[in-house]
Amino acid sequence: MVKQALHESGDWELRTLDVFHVADGLRVAGRVRSYFVKQKAQTIAMSVAPNHPLLNEVVVQ
């Protein structure tokens, strides 16, 4: 659902966003491939799982 919503957004051109459910909430990790800067990728991650400790794992390749 999250992945679909991000892909349908006209403001973002994400190729890959891996979102995993874990015991303590959402994990946004793995690969975030985007034409945007890291700051905007982190903004997306924060909208998915605000204040989640694993947000630091978001990386733009």
PDB file of N, CA and C in Angstrom:
ATOM      1  N   MET A   1       0.831  -1.207   0.000  1.00  0.00           N
ATOM      2  CA  MET A   1       0.000   0.000   0.000  1.00  0.00           C
ATOM      3  C   MET A   1       0.865   1.256   0.000  1.00  0.00           C
ATOM      4  N   VAL A   2       1.855   1.279   0.870  1.00  0.00           N
ATOM      5  CA  VAL A   2       2.757   2.427   0.923  1.00  0.00           C
ATOM      6  C   VAL A   2       3.506   2.571  -0.385  1.00  0.00           C
ATOM      7  N   LYS A   3       4.024   1.456  -0.874  1.00  0.00           N
ATOM      8  CA  LYS A   3       4.800   1.474  -2.111  1.00  0.00           C
ATOM      9  C   LYS A   3       3.947   1.978  -3.271  1.00  0.00           C
ATOM     10  N   GLN A   4       2.710   1.521  -3.344  1.00  0.00           N
ATOM     11  CA  GLN A   4       1.809   1.933  -4.416  1.00  0.00           C
ATOM     12  C   GLN A   4       1.524   3.428  -4.332  1.00  0.00           C
ATOM     13  N   ALA A   5       1.267   3.919  -3.129  1.00  0.00           N
ATOM     14  CA  ALA A   5       0.943   5.332  -2.955  1.00  0.00           C
ATOM     15  C   ALA A   5       2.108   6.211  -3.381  1.00  0.00           C
ATOM     16  N   LEU A   6       3.334   5.803  -3.054  1.00  0.00           N
ATOM     17  CA  LEU A   6       4.495   6.595  -3.424  1.00  0.00           C
ATOM     18  C   LEU A   6       4.700   6.605  -4.930  1.00  0.00           C
ATOM     19  N   HIS A   7       4.483   5.452  -5.567  1.00  0.00           N
ATOM     20  CA  HIS A   7       4.669   5.386  -7.009  1.00  0.00           C
ATOM     21  C   HIS A   7       3.605   6.193  -7.748  1.00  0.00           C
ATOM     22  N   GLU A   8       2.416   6.308  -7.169  1.00  0.00           N
ATOM     23  CA  GLU A   8       1.348   7.045  -7.828  1.00  0.00           C
ATOM     24  C   GLU A   8       1.458   8.551  -7.616  1.00  0.00           C
ATOM     25  N   SER A   9       2.308   8.961  -6.686  1.00  0.00           N
ATOM     26  CA  SER A   9       2.459  10.383  -6.413  1.00  0.00           C
ATOM     27  C   SER A   9       3.180  11.064  -7.566  1.00  0.00           C
ATOM     28  N   GLY A  10       2.643  12.173  -8.038  1.00  0.00           N
ATOM     29  CA  GLY A  10       3.268  12.891  -9.130  1.00  0.00           C
ATOM     30  C   GLY A  10       4.510  13.648  -8.714  1.00  0.00           C
ATOM     31  N   ASP A  11       4.718  13.806  -7.409  1.00  0.00           N
ATOM     32  CA  ASP A  11       5.842  14.589  -6.922  1.00  0.00           C
ATOM     33  C   ASP A  11       7.130  13.784  -6.818  1.00  0.00           C
ATOM     34  N   TRP A  12       7.030  12.480  -6.899  1.00  0.00           N
ATOM     35  CA  TRP A  12       8.202  11.641  -6.696  1.00  0.00           C
ATOM     36  C   TRP A  12       8.346  10.661  -7.848  1.00  0.00           C
ATOM     37  N   GLU A  13       9.599  10.340  -8.191  1.00  0.00           N
ATOM     38  CA  GLU A  13       9.863   9.347  -9.222  1.00  0.00           C
ATOM     39  C   GLU A  13      10.739   8.253  -8.623  1.00  0.00           C
ATOM     40  N   LEU A  14      10.204   7.580  -7.647  1.00  0.00           N
ATOM     41  CA  LEU A  14      10.975   6.541  -6.981  1.00  0.00           C
ATOM     42  C   LEU A  14      10.967   5.270  -7.816  1.00  0.00           C
ATOM     43  N   ARG A  15      12.100   4.635  -7.880  1.00  0.00           N
ATOM     44  CA  ARG A  15      12.176   3.356  -8.572  1.00  0.00           C
ATOM     45  C   ARG A  15      11.973   2.208  -7.600  1.00  0.00           C
ATOM     46  N   THR A  16      12.593   2.300  -6.446  1.00  0.00           N
ATOM     47  CA  THR A  16      12.487   1.205  -5.488  1.00  0.00           C
ATOM     48  C   THR A  16      12.402   1.758  -4.085  1.00  0.00           C
ATOM     49  N   LEU A  17      11.430   1.282  -3.336  1.00  0.00           N
ATOM     50  CA  LEU A  17      11.356   1.601  -1.913  1.00  0.00           C
ATOM     51  C   LEU A  17      10.949   0.332  -1.185  1.00  0.00           C
ATOM     52  N   ASP A  18      11.900  -0.214  -0.454  1.00  0.00           N
ATOM     53  CA  ASP A  18      11.625  -1.453   0.268  1.00  0.00           C
ATOM     54  C   ASP A  18      11.116  -1.112   1.654  1.00  0.00           C
ATOM     55  N   VAL A  19       9.911  -1.537   1.957  1.00  0.00           N
ATOM     56  CA  VAL A  19       9.309  -1.267   3.252  1.00  0.00           C
ATOM     57  C   VAL A  19       8.998  -2.604   3.909  1.00  0.00           C
ATOM     58  N   PHE A  20       9.527  -2.790   5.086  1.00  0.00           N
ATOM     59  CA  PHE A  20       9.333  -4.047   5.793  1.00  0.00           C
ATOM     60  C   PHE A  20       8.582  -3.799   7.084  1.00  0.00           C
ATOM     61  N   HIS A  21       7.649  -4.680   7.402  1.00  0.00           N
ATOM     62  CA  HIS A  21       6.968  -4.629   8.686  1.00  0.00           C
ATOM     63  C   HIS A  21       7.816  -5.377   9.705  1.00  0.00           C
ATOM     64  N   VAL A  22       8.079  -4.731  10.821  1.00  0.00           N
ATOM     65  CA  VAL A  22       8.796  -5.387  11.910  1.00  0.00           C
ATOM     66  C   VAL A  22       7.970  -5.244  13.174  1.00  0.00           C
ATOM     67  N   ALA A  23       8.403  -5.908  14.229  1.00  0.00           N
ATOM     68  CA  ALA A  23       7.605  -5.956  15.450  1.00  0.00           C
ATOM     69  C   ALA A  23       7.313  -4.566  16.018  1.00  0.00           C
ATOM     70  N   ASP A  24       8.270  -3.651  15.888  1.00  0.00           N
ATOM     71  CA  ASP A  24       8.091  -2.339  16.495  1.00  0.00           C
ATOM     72  C   ASP A  24       7.593  -1.295  15.509  1.00  0.00           C
ATOM     73  N   GLY A  25       7.102  -1.700  14.350  1.00  0.00           N
ATOM     74  CA  GLY A  25       6.566  -0.725  13.411  1.00  0.00           C
ATOM     75  C   GLY A  25       7.091  -0.941  12.007  1.00  0.00           C
ATOM     76  N   LEU A  26       7.194   0.145  11.250  1.00  0.00           N
ATOM     77  CA  LEU A  26       7.656   0.055   9.874  1.00  0.00           C
ATOM     78  C   LEU A  26       9.158   0.249   9.792  1.00  0.00           C
ATOM     79  N   ARG A  27       9.783  -0.528   8.945  1.00  0.00           N
ATOM     80  CA  ARG A  27      11.201  -0.336   8.683  1.00  0.00           C
ATOM     81  C   ARG A  27      11.365   0.121   7.240  1.00  0.00           C
ATOM     82  N   VAL A  28      12.000   1.253   7.070  1.00  0.00           N
ATOM     83  CA  VAL A  28      12.302   1.742   5.731  1.00  0.00           C
ATOM     84  C   VAL A  28      13.800   1.557   5.548  1.00  0.00           C
ATOM     85  N   ALA A  29      14.172   0.577   4.761  1.00  0.00           N
ATOM     86  CA  ALA A  29      15.586   0.255   4.631  1.00  0.00           C
ATOM     87  C   ALA A  29      15.836  -0.388   3.285  1.00  0.00           C
ATOM     88  N   GLY A  30      17.081  -0.802   3.068  1.00  0.00           N
ATOM     89  CA  GLY A  30      17.420  -1.456   1.819  1.00  0.00           C
ATOM     90  C   GLY A  30      17.753  -0.437   0.753  1.00  0.00           C
ATOM     91  N   ARG A  31      16.949  -0.371  -0.281  1.00  0.00           N
ATOM     92  CA  ARG A  31      17.274   0.497  -1.408  1.00  0.00           C
ATOM     93  C   ARG A  31      16.183   1.538  -1.632  1.00  0.00           C
ATOM     94  N   VAL A  32      16.597   2.764  -1.703  1.00  0.00           N
ATOM     95  CA  VAL A  32      15.711   3.824  -2.164  1.00  0.00           C
ATOM     96  C   VAL A  32      16.419   4.453  -3.352  1.00  0.00           C
ATOM     97  N   ARG A  33      15.940   4.140  -4.527  1.00  0.00           N
ATOM     98  CA  ARG A  33      16.566   4.682  -5.732  1.00  0.00           C
ATOM     99  C   ARG A  33      15.711   5.826  -6.239  1.00  0.00           C
ATOM    100  N   SER A  34      16.326   6.966  -6.369  1.00  0.00           N
ATOM    101  CA  SER A  34      15.560   8.156  -6.684  1.00  0.00           C
ATOM    102  C   SER A  34      16.440   9.152  -7.411  1.00  0.00           C
ATOM    103  N   TYR A  35      15.803  10.070  -8.136  1.00  0.00           N
ATOM    104  CA  TYR A  35      16.524  11.165  -8.756  1.00  0.00           C
ATOM    105  C   TYR A  35      16.594  12.366  -7.825  1.00  0.00           C
ATOM    106  N   PHE A  36      16.167  12.158  -6.588  1.00  0.00           N
ATOM    107  CA  PHE A  36      16.110  13.262  -5.647  1.00  0.00           C
ATOM    108  C   PHE A  36      17.217  13.143  -4.615  1.00  0.00           C
ATOM    109  N   VAL A  37      17.457  14.229  -3.909  1.00  0.00           N
ATOM    110  CA  VAL A  37      18.522  14.252  -2.920  1.00  0.00           C
ATOM    111  C   VAL A  37      18.120  13.479  -1.678  1.00  0.00           C
ATOM    112  N   LYS A  38      19.112  13.151  -0.853  1.00  0.00           N
ATOM    113  CA  LYS A  38      18.879  12.331   0.323  1.00  0.00           C
ATOM    114  C   LYS A  38      17.861  12.966   1.253  1.00  0.00           C
ATOM    115  N   GLN A  39      17.876  14.273   1.365  1.00  0.00           N
ATOM    116  CA  GLN A  39      16.960  14.954   2.282  1.00  0.00           C
ATOM    117  C   GLN A  39      15.506  14.658   1.929  1.00  0.00           C
ATOM    118  N   LYS A  40      15.177  14.671   0.648  1.00  0.00           N
ATOM    119  CA  LYS A  40      13.797  14.402   0.254  1.00  0.00           C
ATOM    120  C   LYS A  40      13.437  12.946   0.487  1.00  0.00           C
ATOM    121  N   ALA A  41      14.390  12.043   0.288  1.00  0.00           N
ATOM    122  CA  ALA A  41      14.126  10.633   0.567  1.00  0.00           C
ATOM    123  C   ALA A  41      13.837  10.429   2.048  1.00  0.00           C
ATOM    124  N   GLN A  42      14.555  11.151   2.899  1.00  0.00           N
ATOM    125  CA  GLN A  42      14.310  11.054   4.333  1.00  0.00           C
ATOM    126  C   GLN A  42      12.952  11.640   4.684  1.00  0.00           C
ATOM    127  N   THR A  43      12.539  12.672   3.950  1.00  0.00           N
ATOM    128  CA  THR A  43      11.217  13.252   4.177  1.00  0.00           C
ATOM    129  C   THR A  43      10.129  12.221   3.897  1.00  0.00           C
ATOM    130  N   ILE A  44      10.283  11.458   2.812  1.00  0.00           N
ATOM    131  CA  ILE A  44       9.330  10.396   2.503  1.00  0.00           C
ATOM    132  C   ILE A  44       9.327   9.365   3.623  1.00  0.00           C
ATOM    133  N   ALA A  45      10.510   8.967   4.053  1.00  0.00           N
ATOM    134  CA  ALA A  45      10.607   7.953   5.096  1.00  0.00           C
ATOM    135  C   ALA A  45       9.929   8.421   6.376  1.00  0.00           C
ATOM    136  N   MET A  46      10.106   9.682   6.715  1.00  0.00           N
ATOM    137  CA  MET A  46       9.497  10.208   7.925  1.00  0.00           C
ATOM    138  C   MET A  46       7.978  10.220   7.814  1.00  0.00           C
ATOM    139  N   SER A  47       7.469  10.400   6.605  1.00  0.00           N
ATOM    140  CA  SER A  47       6.019  10.384   6.428  1.00  0.00           C
ATOM    141  C   SER A  47       5.470   8.960   6.545  1.00  0.00           C
ATOM    142  N   VAL A  48       6.322   7.978   6.262  1.00  0.00           N
ATOM    143  CA  VAL A  48       5.909   6.585   6.370  1.00  0.00           C
ATOM    144  C   VAL A  48       5.989   6.108   7.814  1.00  0.00           C
ATOM    145  N   ALA A  49       7.098   6.424   8.480  1.00  0.00           N
ATOM    146  CA  ALA A  49       7.313   5.946   9.846  1.00  0.00           C
ATOM    147  C   ALA A  49       7.991   7.036  10.672  1.00  0.00           C
ATOM    148  N   PRO A  50       7.249   8.053  11.095  1.00  0.00           N
ATOM    149  CA  PRO A  50       7.846   9.166  11.820  1.00  0.00           C
ATOM    150  C   PRO A  50       8.505   8.710  13.111  1.00  0.00           C
ATOM    151  N   ASN A  51       9.661   9.297  13.388  1.00  0.00           N
ATOM    152  CA  ASN A  51      10.406   9.040  14.629  1.00  0.00           C
ATOM    153  C   ASN A  51      10.885   7.599  14.768  1.00  0.00           C
ATOM    154  N   HIS A  52      10.939   6.885  13.674  1.00  0.00           N
ATOM    155  CA  HIS A  52      11.401   5.502  13.757  1.00  0.00           C
ATOM    156  C   HIS A  52      12.933   5.467  13.749  1.00  0.00           C
ATOM    157  N   PRO A  53      13.556   4.703  14.646  1.00  0.00           N
ATOM    158  CA  PRO A  53      15.020   4.690  14.757  1.00  0.00           C
ATOM    159  C   PRO A  53      15.725   4.164  13.513  1.00  0.00           C
ATOM    160  N   LEU A  54      15.034   3.404  12.683  1.00  0.00           N
ATOM    161  CA  LEU A  54      15.675   2.837  11.505  1.00  0.00           C
ATOM    162  C   LEU A  54      15.675   3.785  10.310  1.00  0.00           C
ATOM    163  N   LEU A  55      15.164   4.995  10.478  1.00  0.00           N
ATOM    164  CA  LEU A  55      15.149   5.936   9.357  1.00  0.00           C
ATOM    165  C   LEU A  55      16.552   6.298   8.903  1.00  0.00           C
ATOM    166  N   ASN A  56      17.527   6.171   9.780  1.00  0.00           N
ATOM    167  CA  ASN A  56      18.902   6.480   9.405  1.00  0.00           C
ATOM    168  C   ASN A  56      19.455   5.511   8.372  1.00  0.00           C
ATOM    169  N   GLU A  57      18.753   4.391   8.158  1.00  0.00           N
ATOM    170  CA  GLU A  57      19.219   3.416   7.182  1.00  0.00           C
ATOM    171  C   GLU A  57      18.793   3.763   5.757  1.00  0.00           C
ATOM    172  N   VAL A  58      17.989   4.791   5.600  1.00  0.00           N
ATOM    173  CA  VAL A  58      17.544   5.175   4.263  1.00  0.00           C
ATOM    174  C   VAL A  58      18.724   5.737   3.478  1.00  0.00           C
ATOM    175  N   VAL A  59      18.959   5.172   2.310  1.00  0.00           N
ATOM    176  CA  VAL A  59      20.095   5.584   1.495  1.00  0.00           C
ATOM    177  C   VAL A  59      19.625   5.801   0.064  1.00  0.00           C
ATOM    178  N   VAL A  60      20.086   6.871  -0.535  1.00  0.00           N
ATOM    179  CA  VAL A  60      19.806   7.114  -1.950  1.00  0.00           C
ATOM    180  C   VAL A  60      21.008   6.674  -2.754  1.00  0.00           C
ATOM    181  N   GLN A  61      20.776   5.783  -3.705  1.00  0.00           N
ATOM    182  CA  GLN A  61      21.871   5.293  -4.542  1.00  0.00           C
ATOM    183  C   GLN A  61      21.843   5.983  -5.890  1.00  0.00           C
TER     184      GLN A  61
END
